[in-house]
Protein backbone atom coordinates (compact mmCIF):
# COMPACT_ATOMS: atom_id res chain seq x y z
CA MET A 1 36.33 19.81 2.29
CA LYS A 2 32.66 18.97 2.73
CA LYS A 3 30.69 21.48 4.80
CA LYS A 4 29.64 20.21 8.21
CA ILE A 5 25.96 19.99 9.07
CA SER A 6 25.29 22.86 11.45
CA VAL A 7 23.03 22.27 14.46
CA LEU A 8 21.32 24.57 16.95
CA VAL A 9 20.45 22.84 20.26
CA ILE A 10 17.40 24.23 22.11
CA ASP A 11 16.84 22.91 25.64
CA ASP A 12 16.18 24.53 29.01
CA SER A 13 18.61 22.16 30.78
CA ALA A 14 22.24 23.30 30.68
CA LEU A 15 23.31 19.72 31.38
CA VAL A 16 21.37 18.39 28.38
CA ARG A 17 22.58 21.23 26.14
CA ASN A 18 26.20 20.45 27.04
CA LEU A 19 25.72 16.70 26.68
CA LEU A 20 24.01 16.97 23.28
CA SER A 21 26.64 19.43 22.06
CA SER A 22 29.46 17.11 23.10
CA MET A 23 27.82 14.13 21.41
CA ILE A 24 27.04 15.95 18.18
CA ASN A 25 30.48 17.56 17.95
CA SER A 26 32.13 14.16 18.37
CA HIS A 27 31.06 13.36 14.80
CA GLU A 28 33.33 14.86 12.13
CA ASP A 29 30.51 15.85 9.81
CA LEU A 30 28.37 17.60 12.46
CA GLU A 31 28.85 20.88 14.32
CA VAL A 32 26.84 22.60 17.04
CA ILE A 33 26.97 26.28 16.13
CA GLY A 34 24.91 27.44 19.10
CA THR A 35 22.72 26.48 22.04
CA ALA A 36 19.63 28.22 23.43
CA PRO A 37 17.83 27.76 26.77
CA ASP A 38 14.42 28.79 25.42
CA PRO A 39 12.62 29.46 22.12
CA LEU A 40 12.79 33.25 22.40
CA ILE A 41 16.58 33.20 22.42
CA ALA A 42 16.54 30.46 19.79
CA ARG A 43 14.47 32.63 17.46
CA GLU A 44 17.19 35.29 17.31
CA MET A 45 19.94 32.68 16.95
CA ILE A 46 18.17 31.05 14.00
CA ARG A 47 18.06 34.40 12.21
CA ARG A 48 21.72 35.07 12.95
CA LEU A 49 23.29 31.61 12.53
CA ASN A 50 21.00 29.96 9.94
CA PRO A 51 21.52 26.37 11.18
CA ASP A 52 20.83 23.33 8.99
CA VAL A 53 19.00 21.41 11.74
CA LEU A 54 17.43 22.17 15.12
CA THR A 55 17.10 19.87 18.10
CA LEU A 56 14.12 21.06 20.12
CA ASP A 57 12.97 20.11 23.62
CA ILE A 58 9.20 19.80 23.99
CA GLU A 59 8.85 21.13 27.54
CA MET A 60 10.46 24.54 28.05
CA PRO A 61 9.73 27.84 29.83
CA LYS A 62 8.43 31.04 28.20
CA MET A 63 7.14 29.16 25.13
CA ASP A 64 6.80 25.38 24.92
CA GLY A 65 8.38 23.46 22.08
CA LEU A 66 5.10 22.77 20.30
CA GLU A 67 4.07 26.42 20.19
CA PHE A 68 7.50 27.38 18.92
CA LEU A 69 7.48 24.59 16.33
CA GLU A 70 4.09 25.66 15.00
CA LYS A 71 5.30 29.24 14.50
CA LEU A 72 8.61 28.09 13.01
CA MET A 73 7.04 25.74 10.44
CA ARG A 74 4.56 28.40 9.40
CA LEU A 75 7.10 31.23 9.04
CA ARG A 76 10.46 29.56 8.37
CA PRO A 77 10.19 25.80 7.73
CA MET A 78 13.39 23.90 8.53
CA PRO A 79 14.44 20.41 9.70
CA VAL A 80 13.66 19.82 13.39
CA ILE A 81 14.44 16.81 15.59
CA MET A 82 12.31 16.75 18.76
CA ILE A 83 13.87 15.70 22.08
CA SER A 84 11.21 13.88 24.09
CA THR A 85 10.99 12.09 27.42
CA LEU A 86 9.70 8.52 27.36
CA THR A 87 6.35 9.17 28.99
CA GLU A 88 2.77 8.80 27.76
CA LYS A 89 2.22 12.56 28.02
CA SER A 90 5.37 13.25 26.01
CA ALA A 91 4.37 10.61 23.47
CA GLU A 92 1.15 12.49 22.73
CA ALA A 93 3.05 15.76 22.45
CA THR A 94 5.59 14.13 20.14
CA MET A 95 2.81 12.90 17.85
CA GLU A 96 1.56 16.48 17.70
CA ALA A 97 5.07 17.71 16.91
CA LEU A 98 5.34 15.30 13.98
CA ALA A 99 1.94 16.52 12.77
CA LEU A 100 3.24 20.09 12.96
CA GLY A 101 6.17 19.23 10.69
CA ALA A 102 9.03 17.89 12.84
CA ILE A 103 11.12 15.39 10.88
CA ASP A 104 11.72 12.90 13.70
CA PHE A 105 12.36 12.59 17.43
CA VAL A 106 14.72 10.99 19.94
CA SER A 107 14.31 10.38 23.64
CA LYS A 108 16.16 12.53 26.15
CA PRO A 109 19.63 11.15 26.88
CA LYS A 110 19.92 9.17 30.12
CA VAL A 111 22.78 11.09 31.67
CA ASP A 112 23.14 8.58 34.49
CA VAL A 113 23.59 5.56 32.21
CA ALA A 114 27.09 5.90 30.76
CA SER A 115 26.89 2.63 28.81
CA GLU A 116 23.98 3.96 26.74
CA LEU A 117 25.51 7.30 25.80
CA GLN A 118 27.56 5.98 22.87
CA SER A 119 24.57 4.34 21.19
CA TYR A 120 22.55 7.49 21.87
CA SER A 121 25.28 9.57 20.22
CA GLU A 122 25.13 7.39 17.11
CA GLU A 123 21.31 7.57 17.03
CA ILE A 124 21.07 11.34 17.25
CA ALA A 125 23.89 11.80 14.71
CA HIS A 126 22.09 9.47 12.29
CA LYS A 127 18.83 11.38 12.67
CA ILE A 128 20.50 14.78 12.26
CA ARG A 129 22.11 13.63 9.01
CA MET A 130 18.79 12.30 7.80
CA ALA A 131 16.97 15.50 8.78
CA ALA A 132 19.49 17.65 6.93
CA SER A 133 18.69 15.84 3.68
CA ALA A 134 14.94 15.45 4.25
CA GLN A 135 12.22 17.33 2.42
CA VAL A 136 10.68 19.68 4.98
CA LYS A 137 6.96 19.90 4.44
CA ARG A 138 4.58 22.47 5.84
CA PRO A 139 1.75 20.72 7.71
CA THR A 140 -1.09 20.86 5.22
CA ALA A 141 -3.93 18.50 4.51
CA VAL A 142 -3.11 16.16 1.64
CA PRO A 143 -5.56 16.95 -1.18
CA THR A 144 -7.52 13.97 -2.41
CA ASP A 145 -10.01 13.36 -5.16
CA MET A 146 -13.00 12.40 -3.00
CA ASN A 147 -15.14 11.63 -6.05
CA GLN A 148 -12.55 9.14 -7.23
CA ILE A 149 -12.23 7.62 -3.74
CA THR A 150 -16.00 7.30 -3.34
CA SER A 151 -16.34 5.73 -6.79
CA SER A 152 -13.51 3.28 -6.11
CA ALA A 153 -14.87 2.38 -2.69
CA SER A 154 -18.32 1.64 -4.07
CA GLY A 155 -16.76 -0.78 -6.54
CA ILE A 156 -14.93 -2.97 -4.00
CA ASN A 157 -15.98 -6.58 -4.32
CA ARG A 158 -17.30 -7.26 -0.80
CA ILE A 159 -16.85 -11.01 -1.29
CA TYR A 160 -13.13 -10.41 -1.34
CA SER A 161 -12.92 -7.95 1.56
CA THR A 162 -12.48 -10.70 4.14
CA GLU A 163 -9.80 -12.47 2.07
CA LYS A 164 -7.72 -9.51 1.03
CA LEU A 165 -5.23 -7.70 3.25
CA ILE A 166 -3.29 -4.45 3.02
CA ILE A 167 0.24 -4.59 4.42
CA VAL A 168 2.08 -1.29 5.04
CA GLY A 169 5.61 -0.33 6.07
CA SER A 170 7.00 3.12 6.89
CA SER A 171 9.62 4.98 8.91
CA THR A 172 10.77 8.61 8.97
CA GLY A 173 7.85 10.83 7.95
CA GLY A 174 5.58 7.82 8.15
CA THR A 175 3.35 8.95 11.01
CA GLU A 176 1.84 11.72 8.91
CA ALA A 177 1.94 9.72 5.67
CA LEU A 178 0.00 6.91 7.35
CA LYS A 179 -2.54 9.40 8.67
CA ASP A 180 -3.00 10.94 5.23
CA PHE A 181 -3.51 7.49 3.72
CA LEU A 182 -5.79 6.00 6.37
CA VAL A 183 -8.15 8.95 6.87
CA ASN A 184 -9.26 8.61 3.26
CA LEU A 185 -10.32 4.95 3.54
CA PRO A 186 -13.93 3.78 4.00
CA PRO A 187 -14.89 1.80 7.14
CA ASP A 188 -15.33 -1.53 5.35
CA MET A 189 -11.77 -1.83 4.02
CA PRO A 190 -9.95 -5.16 4.17
CA GLY A 191 -7.84 -5.63 7.30
CA ILE A 192 -4.63 -3.58 7.41
CA LEU A 193 -1.33 -4.40 9.17
CA ILE A 194 1.31 -1.70 9.67
CA ALA A 195 4.96 -1.72 10.74
CA GLN A 196 6.13 1.82 11.56
CA HIS A 197 9.56 2.32 13.11
CA MET A 198 8.77 3.82 16.52
CA PRO A 199 9.72 3.24 20.19
CA GLU A 200 7.30 1.20 22.28
CA THR A 201 6.24 4.13 24.46
CA PHE A 202 4.85 5.90 21.39
CA THR A 203 3.00 3.30 19.31
CA LYS A 204 -0.09 3.15 21.51
CA SER A 205 -0.49 6.95 21.46
CA PHE A 206 0.03 6.89 17.71
CA ALA A 207 -2.64 4.22 17.22
CA ASN A 208 -5.09 6.07 19.48
CA ARG A 209 -4.53 9.30 17.53
CA LEU A 210 -5.22 7.58 14.22
CA ASN A 211 -8.28 5.85 15.66
CA SER A 212 -9.73 9.25 16.59
CA LEU A 213 -9.24 10.54 13.03
CA CYS A 214 -10.15 7.59 10.82
CA LYS A 215 -13.39 5.92 9.73
CA ILE A 216 -11.75 2.52 10.27
CA SER A 217 -10.79 1.12 13.68
CA VAL A 218 -7.08 1.52 14.53
CA LYS A 219 -5.30 -0.15 17.46
CA GLU A 220 -1.88 -1.28 18.62
CA ALA A 221 -1.62 -5.01 17.92
CA GLN A 222 -1.63 -7.28 20.96
CA GLY A 223 -1.08 -10.58 19.15
CA GLY A 224 -3.65 -13.29 18.49
CA GLU A 225 -6.31 -10.93 17.10
CA ARG A 226 -8.44 -12.08 14.21
CA ILE A 227 -7.92 -9.68 11.30
CA LEU A 228 -11.32 -8.45 10.16
CA PRO A 229 -12.40 -5.84 7.58
CA GLY A 230 -12.44 -2.30 8.90
CA HIS A 231 -9.60 -2.93 11.37
CA VAL A 232 -6.02 -1.65 11.37
CA PHE A 233 -3.29 -3.20 13.53
CA ILE A 234 -0.08 -1.26 14.22
CA ALA A 235 3.05 -3.08 15.37
CA PRO A 236 3.93 -2.24 18.98
CA GLY A 237 7.34 -0.65 19.36
CA HIS A 238 8.72 -3.61 21.31
CA SER A 239 7.88 -6.43 18.84
CA HIS A 240 7.82 -7.55 15.25
CA LEU A 241 4.29 -7.85 13.84
CA LEU A 242 3.60 -10.91 11.68
CA LEU A 243 0.64 -12.20 9.72
CA LYS A 244 -0.37 -15.80 10.45
CA ARG A 245 -3.20 -18.20 9.60
CA SER A 246 -5.45 -19.92 12.13
CA GLY A 247 -7.74 -22.24 10.24
CA ALA A 248 -9.63 -20.10 7.74
CA ASN A 249 -8.77 -16.83 9.52
CA TYR A 250 -5.90 -14.40 9.34
CA VAL A 251 -4.50 -13.49 12.80
CA THR A 252 -1.80 -11.23 14.20
CA GLU A 253 1.31 -12.56 15.88
CA LEU A 254 3.99 -10.69 17.84
CA SER A 255 7.63 -11.71 18.13
CA GLN A 256 10.51 -10.30 20.15
CA SER A 257 13.14 -12.02 18.03
CA GLU A 258 16.26 -10.06 17.14
CA PRO A 259 15.95 -6.74 15.25
CA VAL A 260 16.09 -6.96 11.45
CA ASN A 261 17.81 -4.13 9.55
CA ARG A 262 18.41 -2.66 13.04
CA HIS A 263 14.66 -2.41 13.62
CA ARG A 264 12.04 -4.09 15.77
CA PRO A 265 9.37 -3.85 14.50
CA SER A 266 10.83 -4.50 11.07
CA VAL A 267 8.95 -3.96 7.82
CA ASP A 268 10.79 -6.88 6.21
CA VAL A 269 9.51 -9.27 8.91
CA LEU A 270 5.90 -8.18 8.34
CA PHE A 271 6.18 -8.28 4.53
CA ARG A 272 7.79 -11.74 4.53
CA SER A 273 4.99 -13.12 6.69
CA ALA A 274 2.46 -11.62 4.26
CA ALA A 275 4.26 -13.30 1.34
CA THR A 276 4.03 -16.65 3.14
CA TYR A 277 0.45 -16.52 4.41
CA ALA A 278 -1.42 -14.08 2.13
CA GLY A 279 0.37 -14.34 -1.23
CA LYS A 280 -1.80 -12.93 -4.03
CA ASN A 281 -4.44 -11.83 -1.50
CA ALA A 282 -2.17 -9.01 -0.28
CA ILE A 283 -1.59 -5.44 -1.35
CA GLY A 284 1.78 -4.12 -0.18
CA ILE A 285 2.51 -0.44 0.45
CA ILE A 286 5.89 1.08 1.30
CA LEU A 287 5.93 4.69 2.44
CA THR A 288 8.51 7.32 3.34
CA GLY A 289 11.48 6.21 5.42
CA MET A 290 15.26 6.09 5.82
CA GLY A 291 17.20 2.98 4.78
CA LYS A 292 16.03 -0.16 3.00
CA ASP A 293 13.90 -2.04 5.54
CA GLY A 294 10.98 -3.60 3.67
CA ALA A 295 12.52 -3.78 0.20
CA ALA A 296 13.52 -7.46 0.33
CA GLY A 297 10.27 -8.48 2.01
CA MET A 298 8.24 -6.56 -0.56
CA LEU A 299 10.04 -8.38 -3.36
CA GLU A 300 9.05 -11.68 -1.72
CA MET A 301 5.45 -10.44 -1.60
CA ARG A 302 5.50 -9.60 -5.30
CA LYS A 303 6.95 -12.98 -6.20
CA ALA A 304 4.14 -14.57 -4.16
CA GLY A 305 1.54 -12.70 -6.22
CA ALA A 306 0.93 -9.54 -4.20
CA TYR A 307 0.41 -6.16 -5.88
CA ASN A 308 2.72 -3.49 -4.45
CA PHE A 309 2.66 0.30 -4.23
CA ALA A 310 5.51 2.67 -3.35
CA GLN A 311 5.19 6.32 -2.38
CA ASP A 312 6.83 8.61 -4.92
CA GLU A 313 9.92 10.68 -4.17
CA ALA A 314 8.22 14.08 -4.42
CA SER A 315 5.76 13.32 -1.61
CA CYS A 316 8.24 11.51 0.69
CA VAL A 317 10.02 13.16 3.59
CA VAL A 318 12.80 10.60 3.02
CA PHE A 319 12.77 8.48 -0.15
CA GLY A 320 15.11 5.75 1.12
CA MET A 321 12.74 2.83 1.74
CA PRO A 322 10.52 3.30 -1.34
CA LYS A 323 13.60 3.87 -3.51
CA ALA A 324 15.21 0.64 -2.29
CA ALA A 325 12.05 -1.32 -3.09
CA ILE A 326 11.69 0.26 -6.53
CA GLU A 327 15.33 -0.39 -7.44
CA ILE A 328 15.09 -4.15 -6.84
CA GLY A 329 11.83 -4.50 -8.79
CA ALA A 330 9.58 -5.07 -5.78
CA THR A 331 6.87 -2.58 -6.77
CA ASP A 332 4.08 -2.44 -9.34
CA GLU A 333 3.15 1.25 -9.04
CA VAL A 334 4.87 4.39 -7.76
CA VAL A 335 2.18 6.75 -6.50
CA PRO A 336 2.01 10.25 -4.95
CA LEU A 337 0.74 10.08 -1.38
CA LYS A 338 -2.36 12.10 -2.28
CA ASN A 339 -3.39 9.37 -4.75
CA MET A 340 -2.47 6.33 -2.65
CA ALA A 341 -5.92 5.74 -1.13
CA SER A 342 -7.75 6.03 -4.47
CA ARG A 343 -5.26 3.75 -6.27
CA VAL A 344 -5.50 1.08 -3.56
CA LEU A 345 -9.30 1.25 -3.64
CA ALA A 346 -9.27 1.00 -7.42
CA LYS A 347 -7.06 -2.08 -7.21
CA LEU A 348 -9.39 -3.65 -4.65
CA SER A 349 -12.35 -3.07 -6.96
CA ASN A 350 -10.62 -5.21 -9.58
CA PHE A 351 -9.87 -8.14 -7.29
CA GLY A 352 -11.50 -11.28 -8.57
CA MET A 353 -11.58 -10.00 -12.14
CA ASP A 354 -7.89 -9.77 -12.96
CA LYS A 355 -6.76 -12.26 -10.31
CA MET A 356 -3.87 -9.91 -9.60
CA SER A 357 -2.16 -11.10 -12.78
CA VAL A 358 -1.57 -7.72 -14.39
CA ARG A 359 1.94 -6.32 -13.84
CA ILE A 360 2.99 -2.79 -14.58
């Protein structure tokens, strides 16, 4: 019989502890082996019980969740799912938790909305399973070859910078992967569009955090913006982000049509719009994430002439999305995250000379 995934629930609310335990235990492959009201008690229980996954509340007495997470990931790295309230303050704290090494997060269960509890139970079970199989990574700066990046950047054909676009999709582990990719790009990059699976309360905080760290301008897409070099647009959590044409210009468009692959924003929706409106002028990138969202759309991009990169397994938190794209022949290169910026810049420097005709 297959061993159940063991979970330790850490939350200062007895009601939430009991509710999460009941939900998790309702799944045959999951088992709550303990609950703790604060990190100090949790610390001893981790030593004694050795759980596979933790769920961790952000706001707790004695030691807040972020302080505890920082110590945990430094001394005993393990899969952690953060439990966050849907507020702007909590969104910022959640972004910090992901930067510290948490695998993913879910909102606090709405105990007064019985109709939502079943879907919440399925969501947290899905994320616990994913966390148990994820590669836990200590929060370290991704090393990059700055000489290579500088050389590649200096070789970009500026004539093409207003025509070319970079289209990116990511999910679990993607917030940090996107940061590691974007911080290494020069300010005059072609426009970049990103679909990252994330609730709407969090995408604005995520964009603001990236904007504070990057040389290029990063914002949550509003729809109708002209896509200019040096600008990054992140899909808001409530809508699909699409690329469109308006005369000679590329523009953003938002849509609240039905979720695709259970997601809105969906990577497939963004990639398909890039295949239609950008074709060979696009570079596609698929980063760490659970599932297969983006694979089919990336294949359409490649057939339309785009050049596509996938993050390699060793540097992914979850290899699902890149793996799905690679398996169906949607990618041209499989690249470690630390080399992604330099490889994209090198490809941009060749635009206009190879006409994107070379396939690997």
